[in-house]
Amino acid sequence: MKWKNELGLPESIFHLITNRRYSLDGAEISVTGLLKPMRQLMLERRYFDEIEVDISTELWATYGSLMHELIAQQVANELKEQKLFIDVNGVRIVGHYDSYSYENKILSDYKFTSAWTYSLKNDDWEKQLNIYRLLLINSNYPVDKLQIIALFRDFSYSKAKQNSDYPKSPIEVISIETWPLQKTLIFLSERVSAYQDAMRELPLCTPEEKWQRNTIYAVMQPNRKTARRLFDNYEQAQELASMVKGAYVEKRAGFCTRCEYYCKVKNFCEQYQDEKRGVES
């Protein structure tokens, strides 16, 4: 991976961000890697030496790593930041959990994240923690409860008062559903199969994996900031607009959030390029 510093940030910041390292310790893939879209994972491996990343885009990830290190220093009587391994269908997988309390049998994972992810109810958190639970149980550590300790980097008190789907405080403890172990094993086996298939033939990303937002049509009125109504279909929006004096239809083009903002290999991805050309045309 090639690091860039287009903003000319101080050398201390450059080294802080670029010196972060994660080792698989002999495993073939990590739990977090296994949860990625397989197309993204394969392209990251294929073009690793060509990927260019500006350090300014890695600020939040660095904050998250620093928070993990600070929290690990404060928590006593817990197992912290350990790596555990499991072999599934010939693939060795490593998981790196945050904190486990043997006394309370609670597995905790710290997420330094945005309030936006809270409203999405990120199911990858549920998948990740249940796999970590399986790894711990395989190592003779019982786990009865799973929880995310979310620290919201962009929390707004005003938004918390206005929106019921918004977190109520800058830090929240979120209980995560505990799966039957058989369900976790089946899911893990399915992800390994998808990984092995992707090594043979590069798959396409699904709309869900791309975090796709479809194009919508907003019926707007003069002197009104919010839409009167939103439609997936232009004809339906135009029909309503024709019945309201001064109303007009505003097209809000869809896009794929992960592709645009969270994928380092989009410039190497034919699917992204083809879909982008289709939107622009």
Protein backbone atom coordinates (compact mmCIF):
# COMPACT_ATOMS: atom_id res chain seq x y z
CA MET A 1 0.00 0.00 0.00
CA LYS A 2 1.26 3.45 -0.92
CA TRP A 3 0.70 6.22 1.62
CA LYS A 4 0.11 9.79 0.44
CA ASN A 5 0.15 13.08 2.31
CA GLU A 6 -1.56 15.48 -0.06
CA LEU A 7 -2.38 17.99 2.70
CA GLY A 8 1.23 18.16 3.88
CA LEU A 9 0.32 17.12 7.41
CA PRO A 10 3.11 17.03 10.05
CA GLU A 11 5.54 14.13 9.97
CA SER A 12 4.41 13.07 13.46
CA ILE A 13 0.85 12.56 12.18
CA PHE A 14 2.12 10.72 9.10
CA HIS A 15 4.06 8.21 11.21
CA LEU A 16 1.25 7.82 13.75
CA ILE A 17 -1.18 6.78 11.01
CA THR A 18 1.12 4.71 8.83
CA ASN A 19 2.77 2.74 11.63
CA ARG A 20 -0.41 0.87 12.54
CA ARG A 21 0.11 -2.83 11.88
CA TYR A 22 -2.03 -5.95 12.14
CA SER A 23 -0.62 -9.44 11.80
CA LEU A 24 -2.57 -12.59 10.93
CA ASP A 25 -0.01 -14.62 12.92
CA GLY A 26 -0.03 -17.48 10.45
CA ALA A 27 -3.77 -17.48 9.80
CA GLU A 28 -5.13 -17.19 6.28
CA ILE A 29 -7.80 -14.61 7.05
CA SER A 30 -9.20 -12.61 9.97
CA VAL A 31 -12.78 -12.54 11.20
CA THR A 32 -13.17 -8.94 10.04
CA GLY A 33 -11.74 -9.85 6.66
CA LEU A 34 -14.18 -12.73 6.35
CA LEU A 35 -17.08 -10.32 6.95
CA LYS A 36 -16.04 -8.01 4.11
CA PRO A 37 -17.61 -8.20 0.67
CA MET A 38 -15.57 -10.90 -1.06
CA ARG A 39 -15.00 -8.80 -4.15
CA GLN A 40 -13.51 -6.03 -2.03
CA LEU A 41 -11.31 -8.47 -0.11
CA MET A 42 -9.94 -10.13 -3.24
CA LEU A 43 -9.22 -6.83 -4.97
CA GLU A 44 -7.44 -5.54 -1.86
CA ARG A 45 -5.16 -8.57 -1.96
CA ARG A 46 -4.64 -8.43 -5.71
CA TYR A 47 -3.78 -4.74 -5.86
CA PHE A 48 -2.31 -4.22 -2.40
CA ASP A 49 1.00 -2.80 -3.67
CA GLU A 50 -0.80 -0.39 -6.01
CA ILE A 51 -3.46 0.96 -3.64
CA GLU A 52 -2.91 4.63 -2.75
CA VAL A 53 -4.34 5.98 0.49
CA ASP A 54 -4.10 9.53 1.77
CA ILE A 55 -3.37 9.65 5.49
CA SER A 56 -6.15 12.21 6.06
CA THR A 57 -8.74 9.53 5.24
CA GLU A 58 -7.41 7.25 8.01
CA LEU A 59 -7.90 9.68 10.89
CA TRP A 60 -10.95 8.01 12.41
CA ALA A 61 -9.44 4.53 12.15
CA THR A 62 -6.36 5.83 13.97
CA TYR A 63 -8.49 7.43 16.68
CA GLY A 64 -10.22 4.07 17.11
CA SER A 65 -6.91 2.23 17.51
CA LEU A 66 -5.69 4.75 20.08
CA MET A 67 -8.94 4.49 22.05
CA HIS A 68 -8.61 0.69 22.11
CA GLU A 69 -5.08 0.97 23.49
CA LEU A 70 -6.10 3.46 26.19
CA ILE A 71 -9.13 1.45 27.28
CA ALA A 72 -7.09 -1.76 27.44
CA GLN A 73 -4.76 -0.08 29.93
CA GLN A 74 -7.63 0.84 32.26
CA VAL A 75 -9.60 -2.40 32.51
CA ALA A 76 -8.46 -4.80 35.24
CA ASN A 77 -9.40 -8.46 35.81
CA GLU A 78 -10.30 -9.02 32.16
CA LEU A 79 -8.73 -10.75 29.19
CA LYS A 80 -7.95 -8.04 26.66
CA GLU A 81 -6.91 -7.78 23.03
CA GLN A 82 -6.12 -11.47 22.56
CA LYS A 83 -6.03 -13.41 19.30
CA LEU A 84 -7.80 -16.75 18.99
CA PHE A 85 -7.84 -19.19 16.08
CA ILE A 86 -10.21 -21.65 14.46
CA ASP A 87 -9.93 -23.91 11.41
CA VAL A 88 -12.98 -24.17 9.15
CA ASN A 89 -12.96 -26.25 5.95
CA GLY A 90 -9.18 -26.06 5.76
CA VAL A 91 -9.01 -22.29 6.32
CA ARG A 92 -7.31 -20.96 9.46
CA ILE A 93 -9.14 -17.91 10.84
CA VAL A 94 -7.91 -15.47 13.48
CA GLY A 95 -10.14 -13.33 15.67
CA HIS A 96 -8.94 -10.41 17.77
CA TYR A 97 -11.50 -9.58 20.44
CA ASP A 98 -11.38 -6.50 22.69
CA SER A 99 -12.36 -7.51 26.22
CA TYR A 100 -13.67 -10.59 28.02
CA SER A 101 -14.80 -10.76 31.65
CA TYR A 102 -14.43 -14.29 32.99
CA GLU A 103 -16.26 -13.33 36.18
CA ASN A 104 -19.37 -12.04 34.37
CA LYS A 105 -18.92 -14.11 31.20
CA ILE A 106 -19.37 -10.97 29.10
CA LEU A 107 -17.64 -10.34 25.78
CA SER A 108 -17.35 -6.63 24.98
CA ASP A 109 -16.27 -4.90 21.80
CA TYR A 110 -15.47 -1.20 21.66
CA LYS A 111 -16.56 0.71 18.57
CA PHE A 112 -15.31 4.24 17.96
CA THR A 113 -17.89 5.07 15.35
CA SER A 114 -20.37 7.58 13.94
CA ALA A 115 -23.91 8.14 15.11
CA TRP A 116 -25.00 7.24 11.57
CA THR A 117 -23.97 3.61 12.12
CA TYR A 118 -26.20 3.48 15.20
CA SER A 119 -29.27 4.26 13.13
CA LEU A 120 -28.32 1.52 10.65
CA LYS A 121 -28.32 -1.18 13.37
CA ASN A 122 -25.12 -2.65 11.92
CA ASP A 123 -25.61 -6.43 11.72
CA ASP A 124 -21.88 -6.98 11.10
CA TRP A 125 -21.39 -6.24 14.80
CA GLU A 126 -23.70 -9.12 15.65
CA LYS A 127 -21.91 -11.47 13.27
CA GLN A 128 -18.47 -10.45 14.51
CA LEU A 129 -19.22 -10.84 18.21
CA ASN A 130 -20.92 -14.20 17.77
CA ILE A 131 -17.86 -15.51 15.93
CA TYR A 132 -15.62 -14.20 18.72
CA ARG A 133 -17.91 -15.93 21.20
CA LEU A 134 -17.42 -19.20 19.33
CA LEU A 135 -13.64 -18.76 19.45
CA LEU A 136 -13.70 -18.08 23.19
CA ILE A 137 -15.95 -21.06 23.94
CA ASN A 138 -13.61 -23.26 21.86
CA SER A 139 -10.83 -22.05 24.15
CA ASN A 140 -12.84 -22.97 27.28
CA TYR A 141 -14.01 -19.44 28.08
CA PRO A 142 -17.82 -19.43 28.56
CA VAL A 143 -19.68 -16.42 27.14
CA ASP A 144 -23.25 -15.63 28.22
CA LYS A 145 -23.57 -12.04 27.07
CA LEU A 146 -22.37 -9.94 24.14
CA GLN A 147 -22.23 -6.16 24.09
CA ILE A 148 -20.96 -3.29 22.01
CA ILE A 149 -19.62 -0.25 23.82
CA ALA A 150 -20.13 2.44 21.22
CA LEU A 151 -18.31 5.77 21.45
CA PHE A 152 -19.86 8.21 18.98
CA ARG A 153 -17.24 10.57 17.59
CA ASP A 154 -19.80 12.96 16.05
CA PHE A 155 -22.52 12.92 18.72
CA SER A 156 -24.92 15.87 18.72
CA TYR A 157 -27.17 16.64 21.70
CA SER A 158 -29.60 18.56 19.51
CA LYS A 159 -30.03 15.61 17.13
CA ALA A 160 -30.52 13.28 20.09
CA LYS A 161 -33.53 15.37 21.16
CA GLN A 162 -35.01 15.50 17.65
CA ASN A 163 -34.51 11.95 16.35
CA SER A 164 -35.70 8.76 18.06
CA ASP A 165 -33.26 6.67 15.98
CA TYR A 166 -30.29 8.71 17.18
CA PRO A 167 -28.15 7.62 20.19
CA LYS A 168 -29.15 9.29 23.44
CA SER A 169 -25.62 9.87 24.74
CA PRO A 170 -22.06 10.02 23.40
CA ILE A 171 -21.39 6.54 24.83
CA GLU A 172 -23.88 3.68 24.79
CA VAL A 173 -23.76 0.02 25.76
CA ILE A 174 -25.64 -1.98 23.14
CA SER A 175 -26.69 -5.55 23.89
CA ILE A 176 -26.08 -7.97 21.03
CA GLU A 177 -28.18 -11.06 20.35
CA THR A 178 -26.42 -14.30 21.24
CA TRP A 179 -26.75 -16.93 18.53
CA PRO A 180 -26.94 -20.69 19.08
CA LEU A 181 -23.46 -22.06 18.43
CA GLN A 182 -24.74 -24.17 15.53
CA LYS A 183 -26.02 -21.04 13.79
CA THR A 184 -22.60 -19.40 14.20
CA LEU A 185 -20.84 -22.48 12.83
CA ILE A 186 -23.14 -22.59 9.80
CA PHE A 187 -22.64 -18.87 9.13
CA LEU A 188 -18.87 -19.17 9.49
CA SER A 189 -18.82 -22.16 7.13
CA GLU A 190 -20.87 -20.19 4.57
CA ARG A 191 -18.44 -17.27 4.71
CA VAL A 192 -15.48 -19.59 4.26
CA SER A 193 -17.19 -21.18 1.25
CA ALA A 194 -17.83 -17.72 -0.22
CA TYR A 195 -14.16 -16.88 0.38
CA GLN A 196 -12.98 -20.05 -1.36
CA ASP A 197 -15.37 -19.46 -4.29
CA ALA A 198 -14.12 -15.87 -4.62
CA MET A 199 -10.54 -17.09 -4.96
CA ARG A 200 -11.63 -19.09 -8.00
CA GLU A 201 -13.96 -16.50 -9.55
CA LEU A 202 -14.34 -12.85 -8.56
CA PRO A 203 -17.96 -12.21 -7.50
CA LEU A 204 -19.98 -9.02 -7.85
CA CYS A 205 -20.91 -7.00 -4.80
CA THR A 206 -24.58 -7.07 -3.86
CA PRO A 207 -26.62 -3.88 -3.26
CA GLU A 208 -26.51 -4.71 0.48
CA GLU A 209 -22.73 -5.04 0.44
CA LYS A 210 -22.42 -1.74 -1.41
CA TRP A 211 -24.73 0.01 1.08
CA GLN A 212 -26.71 1.08 -1.94
CA ARG A 213 -29.14 3.98 -1.75
CA ASN A 214 -31.59 4.00 -4.63
CA THR A 215 -32.60 7.09 -6.56
CA ILE A 216 -35.64 8.81 -5.07
CA TYR A 217 -37.89 11.62 -6.28
CA ALA A 218 -38.89 14.34 -3.86
CA VAL A 219 -42.00 16.45 -4.32
CA MET A 220 -40.93 19.93 -3.25
CA GLN A 221 -42.76 23.19 -2.71
CA PRO A 222 -41.50 26.77 -2.64
CA ASN A 223 -40.62 28.10 0.83
CA ARG A 224 -40.53 24.57 2.25
CA LYS A 225 -37.20 22.98 3.18
CA THR A 226 -38.35 19.38 3.45
CA ALA A 227 -40.04 17.27 0.81
CA ARG A 228 -43.81 16.97 0.85
CA ARG A 229 -43.37 13.30 -0.03
CA LEU A 230 -40.70 10.93 -1.39
CA PHE A 231 -41.22 8.43 -4.21
CA ASP A 232 -39.17 5.65 -5.80
CA ASN A 233 -40.98 6.31 -9.07
CA TYR A 234 -40.78 9.56 -11.07
CA GLU A 235 -44.27 9.22 -12.56
CA GLN A 236 -45.89 8.94 -9.13
CA ALA A 237 -43.95 11.95 -7.89
CA GLN A 238 -44.91 13.98 -10.95
CA GLU A 239 -48.58 13.02 -10.50
CA LEU A 240 -48.63 14.44 -6.96
CA ALA A 241 -46.65 17.53 -7.98
CA SER A 242 -49.20 18.31 -10.72
CA MET A 243 -51.95 18.47 -8.07
CA VAL A 244 -50.12 20.87 -5.75
CA LYS A 245 -49.70 24.52 -6.71
CA GLY A 246 -46.07 25.43 -7.33
CA ALA A 247 -44.81 21.93 -6.56
CA TYR A 248 -41.99 20.35 -8.53
CA VAL A 249 -40.06 17.08 -8.55
CA GLU A 250 -36.47 16.98 -7.35
CA LYS A 251 -34.37 13.96 -8.32
CA ARG A 252 -32.03 12.71 -5.63
CA ALA A 253 -29.62 10.38 -7.37
CA GLY A 254 -28.80 7.13 -5.65
CA PHE A 255 -25.28 6.08 -4.81
CA CYS A 256 -23.38 3.34 -3.01
CA THR A 257 -22.01 4.62 0.28
CA ARG A 258 -19.43 1.89 0.82
CA CYS A 259 -18.10 2.18 -2.74
CA GLU A 260 -17.83 5.96 -2.66
CA TYR A 261 -16.41 6.49 0.80
CA TYR A 262 -15.16 3.23 2.31
CA CYS A 263 -13.61 1.15 -0.47
CA LYS A 264 -9.90 1.53 -1.17
CA VAL A 265 -10.07 -0.53 -4.37
CA LYS A 266 -12.90 1.20 -6.23
CA ASN A 267 -10.44 2.47 -8.85
CA PHE A 268 -9.53 -1.15 -9.61
CA CYS A 269 -13.12 -2.39 -9.60
CA GLU A 270 -14.79 -2.90 -12.99
CA GLN A 271 -18.20 -3.23 -11.34
CA TYR A 272 -17.85 0.19 -9.71
CA GLN A 273 -16.56 1.80 -12.89
CA ASP A 274 -19.34 0.29 -15.03
CA GLU A 275 -22.06 1.32 -12.60
CA LYS A 276 -20.63 4.81 -12.25
CA ARG A 277 -20.60 5.26 -16.03
CA GLY A 278 -24.21 4.10 -16.10
CA VAL A 279 -25.25 6.66 -13.49
CA GLU A 280 -23.39 9.50 -15.21
CA SER A 281 -24.90 8.68 -18.59
